[in-house]
Amino acid sequence: MSTLENDFRQVVDDFKKRLRPDEETKFRFTTLNDLELTAKNIQETQRRNKTAQNLTRIQPFLQAMKQYQEIIEVFLNTSDILCFIWGPMKFMLMVCTFHFRCIFRG
């Protein structure tokens, strides 16, 4: 195992120590495609409710993250680390959306 892979694994292991078992399970199976689909679904829901926040603005970020994924997969020959990037990002997107709805509901 390369030093770079050891470093990534150490960071992921440290991160996983702070997660509850249910959070780790949810994150473990999250892909970039799941994150993109969540963003599209939120955008569609907001469009129907006339509360759209232009989530298409995050597309350049998601494209950059896709390139990051490709680099990690090539250099570390693994993809099981990346779910711990996509999962938290999806979670933050959903929390921010819920928080926004709560603030502007009334």
N, C-alpha and C. Protein backbone atom coordinates (compact mmCIF):
# COMPACT_ATOMS: atom_id res chain seq x y z
N MET A 1 0.85 -1.17 0.00
CA MET A 1 0.00 0.00 0.00
C MET A 1 0.90 1.24 0.00
N SER A 2 0.60 2.17 -0.87
CA SER A 2 1.41 3.38 -0.97
C SER A 2 1.21 4.29 0.24
N THR A 3 2.13 5.18 0.44
CA THR A 3 2.03 6.13 1.55
C THR A 3 0.81 7.02 1.38
N LEU A 4 0.56 7.45 0.15
CA LEU A 4 -0.61 8.29 -0.12
C LEU A 4 -1.90 7.56 0.24
N GLU A 5 -1.97 6.29 -0.12
CA GLU A 5 -3.15 5.51 0.22
C GLU A 5 -3.27 5.36 1.73
N ASN A 6 -2.16 5.14 2.41
CA ASN A 6 -2.17 5.06 3.88
C ASN A 6 -2.70 6.35 4.49
N ASP A 7 -2.25 7.47 3.95
CA ASP A 7 -2.70 8.77 4.47
C ASP A 7 -4.21 8.94 4.28
N PHE A 8 -4.70 8.61 3.10
CA PHE A 8 -6.14 8.72 2.85
C PHE A 8 -6.92 7.78 3.77
N ARG A 9 -6.44 6.57 3.90
CA ARG A 9 -7.13 5.60 4.77
C ARG A 9 -7.16 6.10 6.22
N GLN A 10 -6.06 6.69 6.68
CA GLN A 10 -6.00 7.19 8.04
C GLN A 10 -7.03 8.31 8.26
N VAL A 11 -7.13 9.20 7.31
CA VAL A 11 -8.10 10.29 7.40
C VAL A 11 -9.52 9.74 7.42
N VAL A 12 -9.80 8.78 6.54
CA VAL A 12 -11.14 8.18 6.49
C VAL A 12 -11.42 7.44 7.79
N ASP A 13 -10.46 6.70 8.30
CA ASP A 13 -10.66 5.98 9.56
C ASP A 13 -10.93 6.94 10.71
N ASP A 14 -10.20 8.04 10.76
CA ASP A 14 -10.43 9.05 11.80
C ASP A 14 -11.84 9.64 11.67
N PHE A 15 -12.25 9.91 10.44
CA PHE A 15 -13.59 10.45 10.20
C PHE A 15 -14.66 9.45 10.65
N LYS A 16 -14.48 8.19 10.27
CA LYS A 16 -15.48 7.17 10.60
C LYS A 16 -15.62 6.97 12.11
N LYS A 17 -14.57 7.22 12.87
CA LYS A 17 -14.64 7.08 14.33
C LYS A 17 -15.64 8.07 14.93
N ARG A 18 -15.87 9.18 14.24
CA ARG A 18 -16.78 10.20 14.74
C ARG A 18 -18.22 10.01 14.28
N LEU A 19 -18.44 9.00 13.46
CA LEU A 19 -19.79 8.75 12.94
C LEU A 19 -20.53 7.73 13.79
N ARG A 20 -21.84 7.89 13.84
CA ARG A 20 -22.68 6.84 14.42
C ARG A 20 -22.75 5.71 13.41
N PRO A 21 -23.05 4.50 13.84
CA PRO A 21 -23.13 3.38 12.89
C PRO A 21 -24.11 3.61 11.75
N ASP A 22 -25.26 4.23 12.04
CA ASP A 22 -26.23 4.47 10.97
C ASP A 22 -25.71 5.50 9.97
N GLU A 23 -24.96 6.50 10.44
CA GLU A 23 -24.39 7.49 9.53
C GLU A 23 -23.35 6.83 8.63
N GLU A 24 -22.51 6.00 9.22
CA GLU A 24 -21.49 5.32 8.42
C GLU A 24 -22.13 4.45 7.35
N THR A 25 -23.19 3.76 7.71
CA THR A 25 -23.89 2.91 6.74
C THR A 25 -24.46 3.73 5.60
N LYS A 26 -25.10 4.85 5.92
CA LYS A 26 -25.67 5.71 4.88
C LYS A 26 -24.58 6.26 3.97
N PHE A 27 -23.49 6.72 4.55
CA PHE A 27 -22.41 7.31 3.76
C PHE A 27 -21.71 6.25 2.91
N ARG A 28 -21.54 5.05 3.44
CA ARG A 28 -20.77 4.01 2.77
C ARG A 28 -21.31 3.69 1.37
N PHE A 29 -22.58 3.86 1.17
CA PHE A 29 -23.18 3.48 -0.12
C PHE A 29 -23.57 4.68 -0.98
N THR A 30 -23.11 5.87 -0.63
CA THR A 30 -23.44 7.07 -1.39
C THR A 30 -22.42 7.27 -2.50
N THR A 31 -22.92 7.57 -3.69
CA THR A 31 -22.07 7.81 -4.84
C THR A 31 -22.23 9.26 -5.30
N LEU A 32 -21.36 9.67 -6.20
CA LEU A 32 -21.50 11.00 -6.80
C LEU A 32 -22.83 11.10 -7.54
N ASN A 33 -23.24 10.03 -8.18
CA ASN A 33 -24.52 10.01 -8.87
C ASN A 33 -25.67 10.26 -7.89
N ASP A 34 -25.60 9.67 -6.69
CA ASP A 34 -26.63 9.92 -5.66
C ASP A 34 -26.67 11.39 -5.28
N LEU A 35 -25.50 11.99 -5.13
CA LEU A 35 -25.42 13.40 -4.78
C LEU A 35 -26.04 14.27 -5.87
N GLU A 36 -25.69 13.98 -7.12
CA GLU A 36 -26.24 14.75 -8.24
C GLU A 36 -27.76 14.57 -8.34
N LEU A 37 -28.24 13.36 -8.14
CA LEU A 37 -29.67 13.10 -8.18
C LEU A 37 -30.41 13.83 -7.06
N THR A 38 -29.82 13.86 -5.88
CA THR A 38 -30.41 14.59 -4.76
C THR A 38 -30.52 16.07 -5.08
N ALA A 39 -29.46 16.65 -5.66
CA ALA A 39 -29.48 18.06 -6.04
C ALA A 39 -30.58 18.33 -7.07
N LYS A 40 -30.71 17.43 -8.05
CA LYS A 40 -31.75 17.60 -9.08
C LYS A 40 -33.14 17.48 -8.47
N ASN A 41 -33.33 16.54 -7.58
CA ASN A 41 -34.64 16.37 -6.94
C ASN A 41 -35.01 17.58 -6.09
N ILE A 42 -34.04 18.10 -5.36
CA ILE A 42 -34.29 19.30 -4.54
C ILE A 42 -34.65 20.47 -5.45
N GLN A 43 -33.90 20.61 -6.53
CA GLN A 43 -34.16 21.71 -7.47
C GLN A 43 -35.57 21.58 -8.06
N GLU A 44 -35.97 20.38 -8.42
CA GLU A 44 -37.30 20.17 -8.98
C GLU A 44 -38.40 20.48 -7.96
N THR A 45 -38.20 20.04 -6.72
CA THR A 45 -39.16 20.33 -5.66
C THR A 45 -39.27 21.84 -5.44
N GLN A 46 -38.12 22.51 -5.41
CA GLN A 46 -38.14 23.96 -5.22
C GLN A 46 -38.81 24.66 -6.40
N ARG A 47 -38.58 24.16 -7.60
CA ARG A 47 -39.21 24.76 -8.78
C ARG A 47 -40.73 24.64 -8.68
N ARG A 48 -41.21 23.47 -8.28
CA ARG A 48 -42.66 23.27 -8.15
C ARG A 48 -43.25 24.16 -7.07
N ASN A 49 -42.49 24.39 -6.00
CA ASN A 49 -42.97 25.20 -4.88
C ASN A 49 -42.66 26.69 -5.06
N LYS A 50 -42.06 27.02 -6.19
CA LYS A 50 -41.66 28.40 -6.48
C LYS A 50 -40.70 28.96 -5.42
N THR A 51 -39.79 28.10 -4.96
CA THR A 51 -38.77 28.52 -3.99
C THR A 51 -37.38 28.17 -4.50
N ALA A 52 -37.21 28.07 -5.81
CA ALA A 52 -35.95 27.61 -6.39
C ALA A 52 -34.78 28.48 -5.95
N GLN A 53 -33.69 27.81 -5.66
CA GLN A 53 -32.48 28.49 -5.20
C GLN A 53 -31.33 28.37 -6.21
N ASN A 54 -31.64 27.98 -7.44
CA ASN A 54 -30.65 27.85 -8.50
C ASN A 54 -29.51 26.91 -8.10
N LEU A 55 -29.87 25.68 -7.80
CA LEU A 55 -28.85 24.70 -7.44
C LEU A 55 -27.94 24.33 -8.60
N THR A 56 -28.29 24.79 -9.80
CA THR A 56 -27.39 24.53 -10.93
C THR A 56 -26.05 25.25 -10.72
N ARG A 57 -26.01 26.19 -9.81
CA ARG A 57 -24.75 26.88 -9.51
C ARG A 57 -23.70 25.93 -8.94
N ILE A 58 -24.11 24.80 -8.40
CA ILE A 58 -23.13 23.88 -7.82
C ILE A 58 -22.59 22.90 -8.86
N GLN A 59 -23.09 22.96 -10.10
CA GLN A 59 -22.63 22.04 -11.14
C GLN A 59 -21.12 22.13 -11.39
N PRO A 60 -20.52 23.32 -11.48
CA PRO A 60 -19.06 23.36 -11.66
C PRO A 60 -18.32 22.66 -10.51
N PHE A 61 -18.82 22.82 -9.31
CA PHE A 61 -18.21 22.15 -8.16
C PHE A 61 -18.34 20.63 -8.31
N LEU A 62 -19.52 20.16 -8.71
CA LEU A 62 -19.72 18.72 -8.88
C LEU A 62 -18.85 18.17 -10.00
N GLN A 63 -18.65 18.95 -11.05
CA GLN A 63 -17.75 18.52 -12.14
C GLN A 63 -16.31 18.40 -11.64
N ALA A 64 -15.90 19.37 -10.84
CA ALA A 64 -14.55 19.30 -10.27
C ALA A 64 -14.40 18.10 -9.35
N MET A 65 -15.45 17.81 -8.58
CA MET A 65 -15.41 16.65 -7.69
C MET A 65 -15.38 15.35 -8.48
N LYS A 66 -16.01 15.34 -9.64
CA LYS A 66 -15.96 14.15 -10.50
C LYS A 66 -14.53 13.92 -10.98
N GLN A 67 -13.84 14.98 -11.32
CA GLN A 67 -12.44 14.86 -11.72
C GLN A 67 -11.59 14.38 -10.54
N TYR A 68 -11.90 14.88 -9.36
CA TYR A 68 -11.21 14.44 -8.15
C TYR A 68 -11.41 12.94 -7.96
N GLN A 69 -12.64 12.48 -8.17
CA GLN A 69 -12.95 11.06 -8.05
C GLN A 69 -12.08 10.24 -8.99
N GLU A 70 -11.97 10.70 -10.23
CA GLU A 70 -11.17 9.97 -11.22
C GLU A 70 -9.71 9.91 -10.82
N ILE A 71 -9.19 10.98 -10.26
CA ILE A 71 -7.79 11.00 -9.81
C ILE A 71 -7.58 10.01 -8.67
N ILE A 72 -8.48 10.03 -7.70
CA ILE A 72 -8.37 9.11 -6.57
C ILE A 72 -8.44 7.66 -7.04
N GLU A 73 -9.37 7.38 -7.94
CA GLU A 73 -9.52 6.01 -8.42
C GLU A 73 -8.28 5.54 -9.18
N VAL A 74 -7.65 6.43 -9.93
CA VAL A 74 -6.46 6.05 -10.70
C VAL A 74 -5.24 5.91 -9.79
N PHE A 75 -4.97 6.91 -8.96
CA PHE A 75 -3.75 6.89 -8.18
C PHE A 75 -3.81 5.97 -6.97
N LEU A 76 -4.98 5.82 -6.38
CA LEU A 76 -5.09 4.94 -5.21
C LEU A 76 -5.71 3.59 -5.55
N ASN A 77 -6.19 3.47 -6.79
CA ASN A 77 -6.81 2.23 -7.24
C ASN A 77 -7.93 1.78 -6.30
N THR A 78 -8.71 2.76 -5.87
CA THR A 78 -9.82 2.47 -4.97
C THR A 78 -10.91 3.50 -5.16
N SER A 79 -12.12 3.12 -4.82
CA SER A 79 -13.22 4.09 -4.85
C SER A 79 -14.00 4.06 -3.54
N ASP A 80 -13.63 3.18 -2.63
CA ASP A 80 -14.40 3.07 -1.38
C ASP A 80 -14.13 4.21 -0.41
N ILE A 81 -13.15 5.02 -0.67
CA ILE A 81 -12.89 6.20 0.16
C ILE A 81 -13.87 7.33 -0.18
N LEU A 82 -14.22 7.41 -1.45
CA LEU A 82 -14.99 8.55 -1.95
C LEU A 82 -16.41 8.63 -1.39
N CYS A 83 -16.96 7.52 -0.98
CA CYS A 83 -18.32 7.57 -0.42
C CYS A 83 -18.36 8.44 0.84
N PHE A 84 -17.22 8.59 1.50
CA PHE A 84 -17.17 9.42 2.70
C PHE A 84 -16.95 10.90 2.35
N ILE A 85 -16.93 11.19 1.08
CA ILE A 85 -17.00 12.56 0.59
C ILE A 85 -18.42 12.84 0.11
N TRP A 86 -18.95 11.93 -0.72
CA TRP A 86 -20.28 12.13 -1.30
C TRP A 86 -21.37 12.10 -0.23
N GLY A 87 -21.28 11.18 0.71
CA GLY A 87 -22.30 11.06 1.76
C GLY A 87 -22.48 12.33 2.57
N PRO A 88 -21.39 12.87 3.14
CA PRO A 88 -21.53 14.12 3.90
C PRO A 88 -21.99 15.30 3.04
N MET A 89 -21.55 15.34 1.78
CA MET A 89 -22.00 16.43 0.91
C MET A 89 -23.50 16.34 0.66
N LYS A 90 -23.99 15.14 0.43
CA LYS A 90 -25.42 14.94 0.23
C LYS A 90 -26.18 15.32 1.49
N PHE A 91 -25.67 14.92 2.63
CA PHE A 91 -26.29 15.25 3.91
C PHE A 91 -26.36 16.76 4.10
N MET A 92 -25.26 17.47 3.84
CA MET A 92 -25.25 18.93 4.01
C MET A 92 -26.23 19.61 3.07
N LEU A 93 -26.33 19.12 1.85
CA LEU A 93 -27.27 19.69 0.89
C LEU A 93 -28.71 19.53 1.39
N MET A 94 -29.01 18.36 1.90
CA MET A 94 -30.37 18.11 2.40
C MET A 94 -30.65 18.93 3.65
N VAL A 95 -29.69 19.06 4.54
CA VAL A 95 -29.88 19.85 5.76
C VAL A 95 -30.08 21.32 5.41
N CYS A 96 -29.26 21.84 4.50
CA CYS A 96 -29.39 23.25 4.11
C CYS A 96 -30.75 23.51 3.48
N THR A 97 -31.22 22.59 2.68
CA THR A 97 -32.53 22.75 2.04
C THR A 97 -33.63 22.75 3.09
N PHE A 98 -33.56 21.83 4.03
CA PHE A 98 -34.56 21.77 5.09
C PHE A 98 -34.51 23.04 5.94
N HIS A 99 -33.31 23.49 6.28
CA HIS A 99 -33.14 24.69 7.09
C HIS A 99 -33.72 25.91 6.37
N PHE A 100 -33.48 26.02 5.07
CA PHE A 100 -34.01 27.11 4.29
C PHE A 100 -35.54 27.11 4.31
N ARG A 101 -36.14 25.93 4.14
CA ARG A 101 -37.60 25.83 4.17
C ARG A 101 -38.15 26.27 5.52
N CYS A 102 -37.48 25.91 6.60
CA CYS A 102 -37.95 26.26 7.94
C CYS A 102 -37.88 27.76 8.17
N ILE A 103 -36.81 28.38 7.71
CA ILE A 103 -36.63 29.83 7.92
C ILE A 103 -37.69 30.63 7.17
N PHE A 104 -37.95 30.24 5.91
CA PHE A 104 -38.80 31.05 5.06
C PHE A 104 -40.23 30.55 4.98
N ARG A 105 -40.60 29.65 5.84
CA ARG A 105 -41.96 29.11 5.82
C ARG A 105 -42.97 30.12 6.30
N GLY A 106 -42.62 30.94 7.28
CA GLY A 106 -43.60 31.68 7.95
C GLY A 106 -43.90 33.05 7.63
